[in-house]
Amino acid sequence: MKKTKNVPETSSLLVIQRNEQGKIWSHIRQKWLIETPEERVRQEYVCSLGSVLN
């Protein structure tokens, strides 16, 4: 049986997604990362670029 990871649903609009363990979803890396101030800014920037490009 293949192990699956908890991956949020993808859509055409990139939205910042956080979980209860203090992690933030990276749309580029396709994995959960520890939410630091730097990572939060990175993900907000990626999401804003995705909104502009769509």
C-alpha atoms as a PDB file:
ATOM      1  CA  MET A   1       0.000   0.000   0.000  1.00  0.00           C
ATOM      2  CA  LYS A   2       1.416   3.359  -1.046  1.00  0.00           C
ATOM      3  CA  LYS A   3       1.743   5.961   1.696  1.00  0.00           C
ATOM      4  CA  THR A   4       0.160   9.302   0.818  1.00  0.00           C
ATOM      5  CA  LYS A   5       0.998  12.638   2.370  1.00  0.00           C
ATOM      6  CA  ASN A   6      -1.524  15.244   3.450  1.00  0.00           C
ATOM      7  CA  VAL A   7      -1.541  17.462   0.354  1.00  0.00           C
ATOM      8  CA  PRO A   8      -4.041  20.300   0.002  1.00  0.00           C
ATOM      9  CA  GLU A   9      -6.263  20.407  -3.053  1.00  0.00           C
ATOM     10  CA  THR A  10      -4.812  22.435  -5.900  1.00  0.00           C
ATOM     11  CA  SER A  11      -6.740  25.040  -7.811  1.00  0.00           C
ATOM     12  CA  SER A  12      -6.022  27.741 -10.348  1.00  0.00           C
ATOM     13  CA  LEU A  13      -5.933  30.333  -7.555  1.00  0.00           C
ATOM     14  CA  LEU A  14      -2.991  29.992  -5.168  1.00  0.00           C
ATOM     15  CA  VAL A  15      -4.004  30.500  -1.559  1.00  0.00           C
ATOM     16  CA  ILE A  16      -1.754  30.447   1.498  1.00  0.00           C
ATOM     17  CA  GLN A  17      -2.565  27.298   3.443  1.00  0.00           C
ATOM     18  CA  ARG A  18      -1.536  26.664   7.052  1.00  0.00           C
ATOM     19  CA  ASN A  19      -2.035  23.668   9.309  1.00  0.00           C
ATOM     20  CA  GLU A  20      -2.354  23.197  13.076  1.00  0.00           C
ATOM     21  CA  GLN A  21       1.279  22.152  13.537  1.00  0.00           C
ATOM     22  CA  GLY A  22       2.647  25.569  12.564  1.00  0.00           C
ATOM     23  CA  LYS A  23       3.457  24.640   8.979  1.00  0.00           C
ATOM     24  CA  ILE A  24       2.742  26.387   5.681  1.00  0.00           C
ATOM     25  CA  TRP A  25       2.175  24.721   2.288  1.00  0.00           C
ATOM     26  CA  SER A  26       4.785  25.416  -0.404  1.00  0.00           C
ATOM     27  CA  HIS A  27       3.125  25.388  -3.833  1.00  0.00           C
ATOM     28  CA  ILE A  28       6.516  25.278  -5.572  1.00  0.00           C
ATOM     29  CA  ARG A  29       8.051  22.454  -3.495  1.00  0.00           C
ATOM     30  CA  GLN A  30       4.742  20.599  -2.993  1.00  0.00           C
ATOM     31  CA  LYS A  31       5.347  19.971   0.712  1.00  0.00           C
ATOM     32  CA  TRP A  32       4.669  21.408   4.166  1.00  0.00           C
ATOM     33  CA  LEU A  33       7.375  23.681   5.598  1.00  0.00           C
ATOM     34  CA  ILE A  34       7.877  25.168   9.057  1.00  0.00           C
ATOM     35  CA  GLU A  35       6.235  28.588   9.042  1.00  0.00           C
ATOM     36  CA  THR A  36       8.936  31.142   9.776  1.00  0.00           C
ATOM     37  CA  PRO A  37       8.526  34.854   9.015  1.00  0.00           C
ATOM     38  CA  GLU A  38      10.810  34.441   5.994  1.00  0.00           C
ATOM     39  CA  GLU A  39       8.864  31.446   4.655  1.00  0.00           C
ATOM     40  CA  ARG A  40       5.566  33.271   5.151  1.00  0.00           C
ATOM     41  CA  VAL A  41       6.823  36.197   3.038  1.00  0.00           C
ATOM     42  CA  ARG A  42       8.116  33.761   0.391  1.00  0.00           C
ATOM     43  CA  GLN A  43       4.774  31.970   0.125  1.00  0.00           C
ATOM     44  CA  GLU A  44       2.790  35.232   0.065  1.00  0.00           C
ATOM     45  CA  TYR A  45       4.988  36.398  -2.817  1.00  0.00           C
ATOM     46  CA  VAL A  46       4.545  33.120  -4.724  1.00  0.00           C
ATOM     47  CA  CYS A  47       0.777  33.265  -4.241  1.00  0.00           C
ATOM     48  CA  SER A  48       0.586  36.889  -5.383  1.00  0.00           C
ATOM     49  CA  LEU A  49       2.621  36.049  -8.506  1.00  0.00           C
ATOM     50  CA  GLY A  50       0.352  33.094  -9.209  1.00  0.00           C
ATOM     51  CA  SER A  51      -2.716  35.328  -8.968  1.00  0.00           C
ATOM     52  CA  VAL A  52      -1.205  37.816 -11.412  1.00  0.00           C
ATOM     53  CA  LEU A  53      -0.123  35.153 -13.906  1.00  0.00           C
ATOM     54  CA  ASN A  54      -3.497  33.371 -13.975  1.00  0.00           C
END
